[in-house]
PDB file of N, CA and C in Angstrom:
ATOM      1  N   MET A   1      -8.377  40.078  17.021  1.00  0.00           N
ATOM      2  CA  MET A   1      -9.030  38.721  17.656  1.00  0.00           C
ATOM      3  C   MET A   1      -9.475  39.095  18.570  1.00  0.00           C
ATOM      4  N   GLU A   2     -10.694  38.624  18.325  1.00  0.00           N
ATOM      5  CA  GLU A   2     -11.860  38.128  19.876  1.00  0.00           C
ATOM      6  C   GLU A   2     -11.496  37.423  20.332  1.00  0.00           C
ATOM      7  N   HIS A   3     -11.814  37.693  21.739  1.00  0.00           N
ATOM      8  CA  HIS A   3     -11.736  36.506  23.183  1.00  0.00           C
ATOM      9  C   HIS A   3     -12.119  35.023  22.395  1.00  0.00           C
ATOM     10  N   SER A   4     -13.713  35.036  22.035  1.00  0.00           N
ATOM     11  CA  SER A   4     -13.645  33.982  21.611  1.00  0.00           C
ATOM     12  C   SER A   4     -13.155  32.940  20.444  1.00  0.00           C
ATOM     13  N   GLU A   5     -12.163  33.637  19.785  1.00  0.00           N
ATOM     14  CA  GLU A   5     -11.180  33.177  18.814  1.00  0.00           C
ATOM     15  C   GLU A   5      -9.879  32.662  19.362  1.00  0.00           C
ATOM     16  N   VAL A   6      -9.717  33.197  20.669  1.00  0.00           N
ATOM     17  CA  VAL A   6      -8.562  32.781  21.481  1.00  0.00           C
ATOM     18  C   VAL A   6      -8.561  31.684  22.415  1.00  0.00           C
ATOM     19  N   ARG A   7     -10.074  31.763  22.843  1.00  0.00           N
ATOM     20  CA  ARG A   7     -10.681  30.514  24.156  1.00  0.00           C
ATOM     21  C   ARG A   7     -10.167  29.033  23.692  1.00  0.00           C
ATOM     22  N   GLY A   8      -9.882  28.680  24.331  1.00  0.00           N
ATOM     23  CA  GLY A   8      -9.289  27.198  24.124  1.00  0.00           C
ATOM     24  C   GLY A   8      -7.451  26.781  24.035  1.00  0.00           C
ATOM     25  N   LEU A   9      -6.785  27.670  23.736  1.00  0.00           N
ATOM     26  CA  LEU A   9      -5.284  28.000  23.209  1.00  0.00           C
ATOM     27  C   LEU A   9      -4.436  27.303  24.570  1.00  0.00           C
ATOM     28  N   ASP A  10      -5.218  27.351  25.357  1.00  0.00           N
ATOM     29  CA  ASP A  10      -4.646  27.445  26.664  1.00  0.00           C
ATOM     30  C   ASP A  10      -4.802  25.597  26.955  1.00  0.00           C
ATOM     31  N   GLN A  11      -5.554  24.813  25.916  1.00  0.00           N
ATOM     32  CA  GLN A  11      -5.671  23.638  25.524  1.00  0.00           C
ATOM     33  C   GLN A  11      -4.615  22.926  25.025  1.00  0.00           C
ATOM     34  N   ILE A  12      -4.204  23.605  23.943  1.00  0.00           N
ATOM     35  CA  ILE A  12      -3.078  23.155  23.007  1.00  0.00           C
ATOM     36  C   ILE A  12      -2.264  22.750  23.974  1.00  0.00           C
ATOM     37  N   ARG A  13      -1.523  20.912  23.573  1.00  0.00           N
ATOM     38  CA  ARG A  13      -0.769  20.888  24.117  1.00  0.00           C
ATOM     39  C   ARG A  13       0.466  19.739  23.260  1.00  0.00           C
ATOM     40  N   PHE A  14       1.616  20.227  22.629  1.00  0.00           N
ATOM     41  CA  PHE A  14       2.435  19.507  22.075  1.00  0.00           C
ATOM     42  C   PHE A  14       3.160  18.394  22.638  1.00  0.00           C
ATOM     43  N   ASP A  15       2.671  16.900  21.572  1.00  0.00           N
ATOM     44  CA  ASP A  15       2.102  15.535  22.376  1.00  0.00           C
ATOM     45  C   ASP A  15       3.713  14.852  22.084  1.00  0.00           C
ATOM     46  N   ASP A  16       4.600  15.374  23.258  1.00  0.00           N
ATOM     47  CA  ASP A  16       6.028  15.162  23.709  1.00  0.00           C
ATOM     48  C   ASP A  16       6.254  13.822  23.627  1.00  0.00           C
ATOM     49  N   ALA A  17       4.972  12.454  23.448  1.00  0.00           N
ATOM     50  CA  ALA A  17       5.639  11.236  22.821  1.00  0.00           C
ATOM     51  C   ALA A  17       5.491  10.730  21.973  1.00  0.00           C
ATOM     52  N   ASN A  18       5.338  12.135  20.814  1.00  0.00           N
ATOM     53  CA  ASN A  18       4.870  11.547  19.215  1.00  0.00           C
ATOM     54  C   ASN A  18       5.974  12.455  18.564  1.00  0.00           C
ATOM     55  N   LEU A  19       7.431  12.856  18.893  1.00  0.00           N
ATOM     56  CA  LEU A  19       7.683  13.419  18.531  1.00  0.00           C
ATOM     57  C   LEU A  19       8.976  13.055  17.055  1.00  0.00           C
ATOM     58  N   TYR A  20       9.015  13.677  16.214  1.00  0.00           N
ATOM     59  CA  TYR A  20       9.875  13.330  14.908  1.00  0.00           C
ATOM     60  C   TYR A  20      10.561  14.451  14.605  1.00  0.00           C
ATOM     61  N   LEU A  21      12.086  13.604  13.949  1.00  0.00           N
ATOM     62  CA  LEU A  21      12.471  14.842  13.506  1.00  0.00           C
ATOM     63  C   LEU A  21      12.751  14.769  11.576  1.00  0.00           C
ATOM     64  N   GLU A  22      12.394  15.660  11.066  1.00  0.00           N
ATOM     65  CA  GLU A  22      12.307  15.533   9.709  1.00  0.00           C
ATOM     66  C   GLU A  22      13.343  16.138   8.312  1.00  0.00           C
ATOM     67  N   GLU A  23      13.273  15.753   7.822  1.00  0.00           N
ATOM     68  CA  GLU A  23      14.434  15.103   7.083  1.00  0.00           C
ATOM     69  C   GLU A  23      13.848  15.212   5.567  1.00  0.00           C
ATOM     70  N   THR A  24      14.263  16.294   4.767  1.00  0.00           N
ATOM     71  CA  THR A  24      14.153  15.917   3.364  1.00  0.00           C
ATOM     72  C   THR A  24      15.421  15.602   2.490  1.00  0.00           C
ATOM     73  N   ILE A  25      15.157  14.491   1.142  1.00  0.00           N
ATOM     74  CA  ILE A  25      15.914  14.508   0.964  1.00  0.00           C
ATOM     75  C   ILE A  25      15.549  14.615  -0.429  1.00  0.00           C
ATOM     76  N   THR A  26      15.879  14.874  -1.775  1.00  0.00           N
ATOM     77  CA  THR A  26      15.770  15.618  -2.806  1.00  0.00           C
ATOM     78  C   THR A  26      16.772  14.477  -3.708  1.00  0.00           C
ATOM     79  N   ASP A  27      16.624  15.181  -5.073  1.00  0.00           N
ATOM     80  CA  ASP A  27      17.252  14.698  -6.060  1.00  0.00           C
ATOM     81  C   ASP A  27      17.152  16.082  -7.061  1.00  0.00           C
ATOM     82  N   LEU A  28      16.653  16.884  -6.606  1.00  0.00           N
ATOM     83  CA  LEU A  28      16.325  18.364  -7.483  1.00  0.00           C
ATOM     84  C   LEU A  28      15.676  18.628  -8.840  1.00  0.00           C
ATOM     85  N   ARG A  29      15.025  17.310  -8.766  1.00  0.00           N
ATOM     86  CA  ARG A  29      14.460  16.867 -10.142  1.00  0.00           C
ATOM     87  C   ARG A  29      13.312  16.591  -9.746  1.00  0.00           C
ATOM     88  N   VAL A  30      12.941  15.308  -9.611  1.00  0.00           N
ATOM     89  CA  VAL A  30      11.918  14.433  -9.405  1.00  0.00           C
ATOM     90  C   VAL A  30      11.074  15.242  -8.509  1.00  0.00           C
ATOM     91  N   GLY A  31      11.267  15.141  -7.226  1.00  0.00           N
ATOM     92  CA  GLY A  31      10.455  15.061  -6.067  1.00  0.00           C
ATOM     93  C   GLY A  31      11.496  15.157  -4.895  1.00  0.00           C
ATOM     94  N   ALA A  32      10.979  15.092  -3.506  1.00  0.00           N
ATOM     95  CA  ALA A  32      11.489  14.568  -1.954  1.00  0.00           C
ATOM     96  C   ALA A  32      11.192  13.505  -1.645  1.00  0.00           C
ATOM     97  N   ILE A  33      12.078  13.268  -0.662  1.00  0.00           N
ATOM     98  CA  ILE A  33      11.528  11.931   0.230  1.00  0.00           C
ATOM     99  C   ILE A  33      11.494  12.851   1.211  1.00  0.00           C
ATOM    100  N   ARG A  34      10.331  12.765   2.207  1.00  0.00           N
ATOM    101  CA  ARG A  34       9.829  12.970   3.805  1.00  0.00           C
ATOM    102  C   ARG A  34      11.020  11.843   4.411  1.00  0.00           C
ATOM    103  N   ARG A  35      12.026  11.715   5.182  1.00  0.00           N
ATOM    104  CA  ARG A  35      12.240  10.591   6.456  1.00  0.00           C
ATOM    105  C   ARG A  35      11.928  11.500   7.626  1.00  0.00           C
ATOM    106  N   LEU A  36      11.109  10.815   8.583  1.00  0.00           N
ATOM    107  CA  LEU A  36      10.490  11.063  10.165  1.00  0.00           C
ATOM    108  C   LEU A  36      11.372  10.306  10.910  1.00  0.00           C
ATOM    109  N   THR A  37      12.330  11.024  11.722  1.00  0.00           N
ATOM    110  CA  THR A  37      12.844   9.518  12.574  1.00  0.00           C
ATOM    111  C   THR A  37      12.599   9.857  13.472  1.00  0.00           C
ATOM    112  N   PRO A  38      11.528   9.119  14.517  1.00  0.00           N
ATOM    113  CA  PRO A  38      11.404   9.334  15.846  1.00  0.00           C
ATOM    114  C   PRO A  38      12.059   9.893  17.085  1.00  0.00           C
ATOM    115  N   ILE A  39      11.799  10.645  17.821  1.00  0.00           N
ATOM    116  CA  ILE A  39      12.806  10.890  19.039  1.00  0.00           C
ATOM    117  C   ILE A  39      12.659  10.904  19.845  1.00  0.00           C
ATOM    118  N   ASP A  40      13.190  10.966  21.038  1.00  0.00           N
ATOM    119  CA  ASP A  40      12.167  10.916  22.499  1.00  0.00           C
ATOM    120  C   ASP A  40      12.112  12.503  22.981  1.00  0.00           C
ATOM    121  N   ARG A  41      12.048  13.407  23.923  1.00  0.00           N
ATOM    122  CA  ARG A  41      12.125  14.298  24.143  1.00  0.00           C
ATOM    123  C   ARG A  41      13.231  15.314  24.456  1.00  0.00           C
ATOM    124  N   ASP A  42      14.565  14.531  24.810  1.00  0.00           N
ATOM    125  CA  ASP A  42      16.012  14.707  24.688  1.00  0.00           C
ATOM    126  C   ASP A  42      16.305  15.193  23.076  1.00  0.00           C
ATOM    127  N   GLY A  43      15.887  14.568  22.188  1.00  0.00           N
ATOM    128  CA  GLY A  43      16.281  14.511  20.754  1.00  0.00           C
ATOM    129  C   GLY A  43      16.842  13.051  20.477  1.00  0.00           C
ATOM    130  N   LYS A  44      17.093  12.223  21.695  1.00  0.00           N
ATOM    131  CA  LYS A  44      17.573  11.124  20.707  1.00  0.00           C
ATOM    132  C   LYS A  44      16.594  10.290  19.879  1.00  0.00           C
ATOM    133  N   ARG A  45      17.569   9.039  19.470  1.00  0.00           N
ATOM    134  CA  ARG A  45      16.561   8.635  18.250  1.00  0.00           C
ATOM    135  C   ARG A  45      15.722   7.237  19.449  1.00  0.00           C
ATOM    136  N   ASP A  46      14.287   7.356  18.928  1.00  0.00           N
ATOM    137  CA  ASP A  46      12.990   6.390  19.687  1.00  0.00           C
ATOM    138  C   ASP A  46      12.953   5.083  18.990  1.00  0.00           C
ATOM    139  N   LEU A  47      14.320   4.148  19.604  1.00  0.00           N
ATOM    140  CA  LEU A  47      14.349   2.920  18.777  1.00  0.00           C
ATOM    141  C   LEU A  47      12.827   1.856  18.871  1.00  0.00           C
ATOM    142  N   SER A  48      12.348   2.677  19.539  1.00  0.00           N
ATOM    143  CA  SER A  48      10.757   1.659  19.391  1.00  0.00           C
ATOM    144  C   SER A  48       9.682   2.058  18.556  1.00  0.00           C
ATOM    145  N   ARG A  49      10.082   3.187  17.935  1.00  0.00           N
ATOM    146  CA  ARG A  49       9.294   3.536  16.965  1.00  0.00           C
ATOM    147  C   ARG A  49       9.948   3.289  15.155  1.00  0.00           C
ATOM    148  N   PRO A  50       9.082   2.705  14.565  1.00  0.00           N
ATOM    149  CA  PRO A  50      10.048   2.730  13.378  1.00  0.00           C
ATOM    150  C   PRO A  50      10.215   4.339  12.573  1.00  0.00           C
ATOM    151  N   VAL A  51      11.020   4.806  11.635  1.00  0.00           N
ATOM    152  CA  VAL A  51      11.094   5.475  10.817  1.00  0.00           C
ATOM    153  C   VAL A  51      10.263   5.324   9.605  1.00  0.00           C
ATOM    154  N   LEU A  52       9.647   7.006   9.463  1.00  0.00           N
ATOM    155  CA  LEU A  52       8.512   7.090   8.394  1.00  0.00           C
ATOM    156  C   LEU A  52       9.070   7.594   7.139  1.00  0.00           C
ATOM    157  N   PHE A  53       8.866   7.246   6.129  1.00  0.00           N
ATOM    158  CA  PHE A  53       9.191   7.811   5.263  1.00  0.00           C
ATOM    159  C   PHE A  53       7.917   8.124   4.052  1.00  0.00           C
ATOM    160  N   PHE A  54       7.772   9.272   3.138  1.00  0.00           N
ATOM    161  CA  PHE A  54       6.527   9.861   2.377  1.00  0.00           C
ATOM    162  C   PHE A  54       7.078  10.272   1.233  1.00  0.00           C
ATOM    163  N   ALA A  55       6.778   9.955   0.058  1.00  0.00           N
ATOM    164  CA  ALA A  55       7.370  10.503  -1.066  1.00  0.00           C
ATOM    165  C   ALA A  55       6.173  11.926  -1.109  1.00  0.00           C
ATOM    166  N   GLN A  56       7.176  12.924  -1.721  1.00  0.00           N
ATOM    167  CA  GLN A  56       6.472  14.149  -2.488  1.00  0.00           C
ATOM    168  C   GLN A  56       6.593  14.289  -3.716  1.00  0.00           C
ATOM    169  N   ALA A  57       5.871  14.973  -4.481  1.00  0.00           N
ATOM    170  CA  ALA A  57       6.352  15.401  -6.171  1.00  0.00           C
ATOM    171  C   ALA A  57       5.010  16.409  -6.463  1.00  0.00           C
ATOM    172  N   GLN A  58       5.203  17.050  -7.449  1.00  0.00           N
ATOM    173  CA  GLN A  58       3.962  17.795  -8.137  1.00  0.00           C
ATOM    174  C   GLN A  58       3.738  17.376  -9.397  1.00  0.00           C
ATOM    175  N   VAL A  59       2.616  17.005  -9.961  1.00  0.00           N
ATOM    176  CA  VAL A  59       2.371  16.553 -11.081  1.00  0.00           C
ATOM    177  C   VAL A  59       1.387  18.121 -11.878  1.00  0.00           C
ATOM    178  N   MET A  60       1.562  17.906 -13.116  1.00  0.00           N
ATOM    179  CA  MET A  60       0.396  18.601 -13.686  1.00  0.00           C
ATOM    180  C   MET A  60      -1.156  18.828 -14.110  1.00  0.00           C
ATOM    181  N   SER A  61      -1.796  19.487 -14.056  1.00  0.00           N
ATOM    182  CA  SER A  61      -2.921  19.301 -13.987  1.00  0.00           C
ATOM    183  C   SER A  61      -3.347  20.656 -15.079  1.00  0.00           C
ATOM    184  N   GLN A  62      -4.601  20.045 -15.416  1.00  0.00           N
ATOM    185  CA  GLN A  62      -5.396  21.578 -16.156  1.00  0.00           C
ATOM    186  C   GLN A  62      -5.534  22.410 -14.657  1.00  0.00           C
ATOM    187  N   MET A  63      -5.697  22.520 -14.034  1.00  0.00           N
ATOM    188  CA  MET A  63      -5.620  23.691 -12.741  1.00  0.00           C
ATOM    189  C   MET A  63      -4.024  24.019 -12.543  1.00  0.00           C
ATOM    190  N   GLY A  64      -3.430  23.711 -13.176  1.00  0.00           N
ATOM    191  CA  GLY A  64      -2.025  24.201 -12.792  1.00  0.00           C
ATOM    192  C   GLY A  64      -1.317  22.566 -12.159  1.00  0.00           C
ATOM    193  N   ALA A  65      -0.040  23.373 -10.666  1.00  0.00           N
ATOM    194  CA  ALA A  65       0.648  22.044 -10.527  1.00  0.00           C
ATOM    195  C   ALA A  65      -0.034  21.619  -8.999  1.00  0.00           C
ATOM    196  N   LEU A  66      -0.272  19.836  -9.076  1.00  0.00           N
ATOM    197  CA  LEU A  66      -1.104  19.815  -7.904  1.00  0.00           C
ATOM    198  C   LEU A  66      -0.004  18.908  -6.746  1.00  0.00           C
ATOM    199  N   PRO A  67       0.079  19.105  -6.164  1.00  0.00           N
ATOM    200  CA  PRO A  67       0.886  18.257  -4.800  1.00  0.00           C
ATOM    201  C   PRO A  67       0.468  17.458  -3.957  1.00  0.00           C
ATOM    202  N   VAL A  68       1.347  16.357  -4.557  1.00  0.00           N
ATOM    203  CA  VAL A  68       0.946  14.872  -4.544  1.00  0.00           C
ATOM    204  C   VAL A  68       2.166  14.262  -3.367  1.00  0.00           C
ATOM    205  N   SER A  69       1.738  13.347  -2.152  1.00  0.00           N
ATOM    206  CA  SER A  69       2.005  13.064  -1.240  1.00  0.00           C
ATOM    207  C   SER A  69       1.717  11.743  -0.895  1.00  0.00           C
ATOM    208  N   ALA A  70       2.382  10.953  -0.746  1.00  0.00           N
ATOM    209  CA  ALA A  70       1.847   9.409  -0.222  1.00  0.00           C
ATOM    210  C   ALA A  70       2.980   8.770   0.484  1.00  0.00           C
ATOM    211  N   ALA A  71       2.018   7.574   1.581  1.00  0.00           N
ATOM    212  CA  ALA A  71       3.336   7.392   2.663  1.00  0.00           C
ATOM    213  C   ALA A  71       4.027   6.218   1.746  1.00  0.00           C
ATOM    214  N   ILE A  72       5.250   5.884   2.439  1.00  0.00           N
ATOM    215  CA  ILE A  72       6.206   4.715   1.571  1.00  0.00           C
ATOM    216  C   ILE A  72       6.383   3.651   2.465  1.00  0.00           C
ATOM    217  N   ASP A  73       6.183   2.734   2.130  1.00  0.00           N
ATOM    218  CA  ASP A  73       6.473   1.992   3.209  1.00  0.00           C
ATOM    219  C   ASP A  73       7.474   0.950   2.516  1.00  0.00           C
ATOM    220  N   ALA A  74       8.787   1.175   3.967  1.00  0.00           N
ATOM    221  CA  ALA A  74      10.095   1.685   3.530  1.00  0.00           C
ATOM    222  C   ALA A  74      10.908   0.924   5.219  1.00  0.00           C
ATOM    223  N   LYS A  75      11.554   0.268   4.974  1.00  0.00           N
ATOM    224  CA  LYS A  75      12.414   0.318   5.902  1.00  0.00           C
ATOM    225  C   LYS A  75      13.902   1.038   6.393  1.00  0.00           C
ATOM    226  N   ASN A  76      14.362   1.449   5.043  1.00  0.00           N
ATOM    227  CA  ASN A  76      15.714   2.666   4.855  1.00  0.00           C
ATOM    228  C   ASN A  76      15.823   3.370   3.801  1.00  0.00           C
ATOM    229  N   LEU A  77      16.279   4.604   3.644  1.00  0.00           N
ATOM    230  CA  LEU A  77      16.589   5.365   2.683  1.00  0.00           C
ATOM    231  C   LEU A  77      16.767   4.557   1.119  1.00  0.00           C
ATOM    232  N   VAL A  78      17.046   3.247   0.966  1.00  0.00           N
ATOM    233  CA  VAL A  78      17.805   2.859  -0.155  1.00  0.00           C
ATOM    234  C   VAL A  78      15.994   2.318  -0.918  1.00  0.00           C
ATOM    235  N   GLU A  79      15.550   1.704   0.619  1.00  0.00           N
ATOM    236  CA  GLU A  79      13.977   1.013  -0.378  1.00  0.00           C
ATOM    237  C   GLU A  79      13.035   2.189  -0.396  1.00  0.00           C
ATOM    238  N   ALA A  80      13.193   3.178   0.261  1.00  0.00           N
ATOM    239  CA  ALA A  80      12.594   4.287  -0.020  1.00  0.00           C
ATOM    240  C   ALA A  80      12.866   4.880  -1.371  1.00  0.00           C
ATOM    241  N   ILE A  81      13.850   4.929  -1.701  1.00  0.00           N
ATOM    242  CA  ILE A  81      13.721   5.331  -3.341  1.00  0.00           C
ATOM    243  C   ILE A  81      13.356   4.578  -4.223  1.00  0.00           C
ATOM    244  N   GLU A  82      13.589   3.193  -4.080  1.00  0.00           N
ATOM    245  CA  GLU A  82      13.482   2.046  -5.098  1.00  0.00           C
ATOM    246  C   GLU A  82      11.784   2.178  -4.859  1.00  0.00           C
ATOM    247  N   LYS A  83      10.853   2.697  -4.086  1.00  0.00           N
ATOM    248  CA  LYS A  83       9.206   2.644  -3.882  1.00  0.00           C
ATOM    249  C   LYS A  83       8.687   3.668  -4.233  1.00  0.00           C
ATOM    250  N   TYR A  84       9.502   4.311  -4.433  1.00  0.00           N
ATOM    251  CA  TYR A  84       9.412   5.677  -4.949  1.00  0.00           C
ATOM    252  C   TYR A  84       7.941   6.044  -6.018  1.00  0.00           C
ATOM    253  N   PRO A  85       8.514   5.948  -7.045  1.00  0.00           N
ATOM    254  CA  PRO A  85       7.750   5.696  -8.296  1.00  0.00           C
ATOM    255  C   PRO A  85       6.151   4.871  -7.577  1.00  0.00           C
ATOM    256  N   GLN A  86       6.005   3.984  -6.806  1.00  0.00           N
ATOM    257  CA  GLN A  86       5.012   3.390  -6.982  1.00  0.00           C
ATOM    258  C   GLN A  86       4.288   4.200  -6.018  1.00  0.00           C
ATOM    259  N   ALA A  87       4.653   4.759  -4.823  1.00  0.00           N
ATOM    260  CA  ALA A  87       4.083   5.568  -3.754  1.00  0.00           C
ATOM    261  C   ALA A  87       3.470   6.763  -4.439  1.00  0.00           C
ATOM    262  N   VAL A  88       4.276   7.358  -5.298  1.00  0.00           N
ATOM    263  CA  VAL A  88       3.892   8.750  -6.239  1.00  0.00           C
ATOM    264  C   VAL A  88       2.733   8.620  -6.874  1.00  0.00           C
ATOM    265  N   GLN A  89       2.540   7.346  -7.433  1.00  0.00           N
ATOM    266  CA  GLN A  89       1.911   6.714  -8.283  1.00  0.00           C
ATOM    267  C   GLN A  89       0.099   6.508  -7.631  1.00  0.00           C
ATOM    268  N   ALA A  90       0.374   6.159  -6.373  1.00  0.00           N
ATOM    269  CA  ALA A  90      -0.626   5.119  -5.554  1.00  0.00           C
ATOM    270  C   ALA A  90      -1.452   7.004  -4.974  1.00  0.00           C
ATOM    271  N   GLY A  91      -0.411   7.710  -4.771  1.00  0.00           N
ATOM    272  CA  GLY A  91      -0.876   9.074  -4.081  1.00  0.00           C
ATOM    273  C   GLY A  91      -1.736   9.972  -5.188  1.00  0.00           C
ATOM    274  N   ILE A  92      -1.307   9.944  -7.212  1.00  0.00           N
ATOM    275  CA  ILE A  92      -1.825  10.492  -7.476  1.00  0.00           C
ATOM    276  C   ILE A  92      -3.363   9.696  -8.085  1.00  0.00           C
ATOM    277  N   GLU A  93      -3.158   8.649  -7.489  1.00  0.00           N
ATOM    278  CA  GLU A  93      -4.648   7.884  -7.578  1.00  0.00           C
ATOM    279  C   GLU A  93      -5.661   8.227  -6.785  1.00  0.00           C
ATOM    280  N   ALA A  94      -4.781   8.271  -5.824  1.00  0.00           N
ATOM    281  CA  ALA A  94      -5.667   8.891  -4.236  1.00  0.00           C
ATOM    282  C   ALA A  94      -6.739  10.006  -4.888  1.00  0.00           C
ATOM    283  N   LEU A  95      -5.366  11.012  -4.937  1.00  0.00           N
ATOM    284  CA  LEU A  95      -6.246  12.410  -5.812  1.00  0.00           C
ATOM    285  C   LEU A  95      -7.242  12.239  -6.896  1.00  0.00           C
ATOM    286  N   MET A  96      -6.793  11.171  -7.890  1.00  0.00           N
ATOM    287  CA  MET A  96      -8.224  11.354  -8.988  1.00  0.00           C
ATOM    288  C   MET A  96      -9.452  10.507  -8.297  1.00  0.00           C
ATOM    289  N   ALA A  97      -9.373   9.657  -7.779  1.00  0.00           N
ATOM    290  CA  ALA A  97     -10.025   8.991  -6.391  1.00  0.00           C
ATOM    291  C   ALA A  97     -11.136  10.170  -5.813  1.00  0.00           C
ATOM    292  N   GLU A  98      -9.950  10.970  -4.729  1.00  0.00           N
ATOM    293  CA  GLU A  98     -10.604  11.861  -4.333  1.00  0.00           C
ATOM    294  C   GLU A  98     -11.455  13.052  -5.332  1.00  0.00           C
ATOM    295  N   ALA A  99     -10.898  13.475  -6.382  1.00  0.00           N
ATOM    296  CA  ALA A  99     -11.404  14.560  -7.404  1.00  0.00           C
ATOM    297  C   ALA A  99     -12.901  13.745  -7.722  1.00  0.00           C
ATOM    298  N   ARG A 100     -12.801  12.554  -7.801  1.00  0.00           N
ATOM    299  CA  ARG A 100     -14.043  11.958  -9.103  1.00  0.00           C
ATOM    300  C   ARG A 100     -15.038  11.763  -7.465  1.00  0.00           C
ATOM    301  N   GLU A 101     -14.596  11.661  -6.394  1.00  0.00           N
ATOM    302  CA  GLU A 101     -16.188  11.300  -5.485  1.00  0.00           C
ATOM    303  C   GLU A 101     -16.618  12.892  -5.272  1.00  0.00           C
ATOM    304  N   MET A 102     -15.522  14.172  -5.679  1.00  0.00           N
ATOM    305  CA  MET A 102     -16.206  15.737  -5.206  1.00  0.00           C
ATOM    306  C   MET A 102     -17.135  15.579  -6.555  1.00  0.00           C
ATOM    307  N   GLN A 103     -16.653  15.255  -7.600  1.00  0.00           N
ATOM    308  CA  GLN A 103     -17.481  15.406  -8.236  1.00  0.00           C
ATOM    309  C   GLN A 103     -18.243  14.801  -8.602  1.00  0.00           C
ATOM    310  N   ARG A 104     -18.815  13.383  -7.930  1.00  0.00           N
ATOM    311  CA  ARG A 104     -19.935  12.793  -7.804  1.00  0.00           C
ATOM    312  C   ARG A 104     -20.714  13.765  -6.866  1.00  0.00           C
ATOM    313  N   GLN A 105     -19.954  13.910  -5.635  1.00  0.00           N
ATOM    314  CA  GLN A 105     -21.291  14.942  -4.674  1.00  0.00           C
ATOM    315  C   GLN A 105     -21.916  15.662  -4.999  1.00  0.00           C
ATOM    316  N   GLU A 106     -21.157  16.465  -6.030  1.00  0.00           N
ATOM    317  CA  GLU A 106     -21.478  17.748  -6.122  1.00  0.00           C
ATOM    318  C   GLU A 106     -22.587  17.800  -7.607  1.00  0.00           C
ATOM    319  N   MET A 107     -22.202  16.062  -8.469  1.00  0.00           N
ATOM    320  CA  MET A 107     -23.379  15.706  -9.709  1.00  0.00           C
ATOM    321  C   MET A 107     -24.748  15.689  -8.882  1.00  0.00           C
ATOM    322  N   SER A 108     -24.310  14.859  -7.459  1.00  0.00           N
ATOM    323  CA  SER A 108     -25.941  14.264  -6.646  1.00  0.00           C
ATOM    324  C   SER A 108     -26.733  15.626  -6.195  1.00  0.00           C
ATOM    325  N   ARG A 109     -26.041  16.538  -5.849  1.00  0.00           N
ATOM    326  CA  ARG A 109     -26.915  17.770  -5.406  1.00  0.00           C
ATOM    327  C   ARG A 109     -28.230  17.685  -6.386  1.00  0.00           C
ATOM    328  N   ILE A 110     -29.064  17.884  -5.167  1.00  0.00           N
ATOM    329  CA  ILE A 110     -30.845  18.777  -5.950  1.00  0.00           C
ATOM    330  C   ILE A 110     -30.852  19.776  -5.654  1.00  0.00           C
ATOM    331  N   VAL A 111     -30.692  20.917  -6.710  1.00  0.00           N
ATOM    332  CA  VAL A 111     -31.036  21.852  -6.407  1.00  0.00           C
ATOM    333  C   VAL A 111     -32.335  22.030  -6.986  1.00  0.00           C
ATOM    334  N   VAL A 112     -33.593  22.544  -6.120  1.00  0.00           N
ATOM    335  CA  VAL A 112     -34.436  22.892  -6.133  1.00  0.00           C
ATOM    336  C   VAL A 112     -34.919  24.446  -6.237  1.00  0.00           C
ATOM    337  N   PRO A 113     -35.192  24.986  -7.185  1.00  0.00           N
ATOM    338  CA  PRO A 113     -35.475  26.899  -7.181  1.00  0.00           C
ATOM    339  C   PRO A 113     -36.720  27.114  -6.120  1.00  0.00           C
ATOM    340  N   ASP A 114     -36.358  28.240  -5.659  1.00  0.00           N
ATOM    341  CA  ASP A 114     -37.377  28.471  -4.582  1.00  0.00           C
ATOM    342  C   ASP A 114     -38.650  29.058  -5.395  1.00  0.00           C
ATOM    343  N   ALA A 115     -39.442  29.242  -4.846  1.00  0.00           N
ATOM    344  CA  ALA A 115     -40.783  29.534  -5.229  1.00  0.00           C
ATOM    345  C   ALA A 115     -40.881  30.627  -5.950  1.00  0.00           C
ATOM    346  N   SER A 116     -40.959  31.476  -4.794  1.00  0.00           N
ATOM    347  CA  SER A 116     -40.705  32.795  -5.406  1.00  0.00           C
ATOM    348  C   SER A 116     -39.838  33.305  -6.242  1.00  0.00           C
ATOM    349  N   SER A 117     -38.843  32.728  -6.441  1.00  0.00           N
ATOM    350  CA  SER A 117     -37.745  33.307  -7.991  1.00  0.00           C
ATOM    351  C   SER A 117     -38.295  32.667  -9.244  1.00  0.00           C
ATOM    352  N   THR A 118     -39.045  31.550  -9.180  1.00  0.00           N
ATOM    353  CA  THR A 118     -39.658  30.851  -9.994  1.00  0.00           C
ATOM    354  C   THR A 118     -40.962  31.853 -10.915  1.00  0.00           C
ATOM    355  N   SER A 119     -41.446  32.343  -9.182  1.00  0.00           N
ATOM    356  CA  SER A 119     -42.616  33.214  -9.739  1.00  0.00           C
ATOM    357  C   SER A 119     -42.462  34.479 -10.935  1.00  0.00           C
ATOM    358  N   LYS A 120     -41.220  34.501  -9.989  1.00  0.00           N
ATOM    359  CA  LYS A 120     -40.649  36.566 -10.612  1.00  0.00           C
ATOM    360  C   LYS A 120     -40.170  35.898 -11.896  1.00  0.00           C
ATOM    361  N   ILE A 121     -39.811  34.813 -12.282  1.00  0.00           N
ATOM    362  CA  ILE A 121     -39.065  34.618 -13.869  1.00  0.00           C
ATOM    363  C   ILE A 121     -40.272  34.151 -14.778  1.00  0.00           C
ATOM    364  N   LEU A 122     -41.312  33.880 -13.972  1.00  0.00           N
ATOM    365  CA  LEU A 122     -42.301  33.149 -14.952  1.00  0.00           C
ATOM    366  C   LEU A 122     -43.399  34.962 -15.304  1.00  0.00           C
ATOM    367  N   LYS A 123     -43.524  35.780 -14.619  1.00  0.00           N
ATOM    368  CA  LYS A 123     -44.573  37.177 -14.444  1.00  0.00           C
ATOM    369  C   LYS A 123     -43.556  37.857 -15.292  1.00  0.00           C
ATOM    370  N   PRO A 124     -44.457  38.252 -16.717  1.00  0.00           N
ATOM    371  CA  PRO A 124     -44.166  39.042 -17.758  1.00  0.00           C
ATOM    372  C   PRO A 124     -43.532  40.491 -17.230  1.00  0.00           C
TER     373      PRO A 124
END
């Protein structure tokens, strides 16, 4: 590794004002729910910030398994479990929208052949 690649590492700081304890809850069948519980520097629950929930699943596509992740708007685990299907659906829709946008961008690219390569093709 060159010195230029290491430069700036001394600027990395762990954000101790934004700590979360991460737990994974799974049914060993459909997917998982990530629960992020805010904590302080001492590891105690930070009651000033809400617990965050995220749905995680995999869907099969022509390219193989695709990971799906989406936030779940829930106040507790019971609510997160109830809202899991809608969150996964929202995650799939976001993936599809992103794929359509990438396809649109790819199709809108204008490819202009290089004049020298065209002349090479046209010459006998």
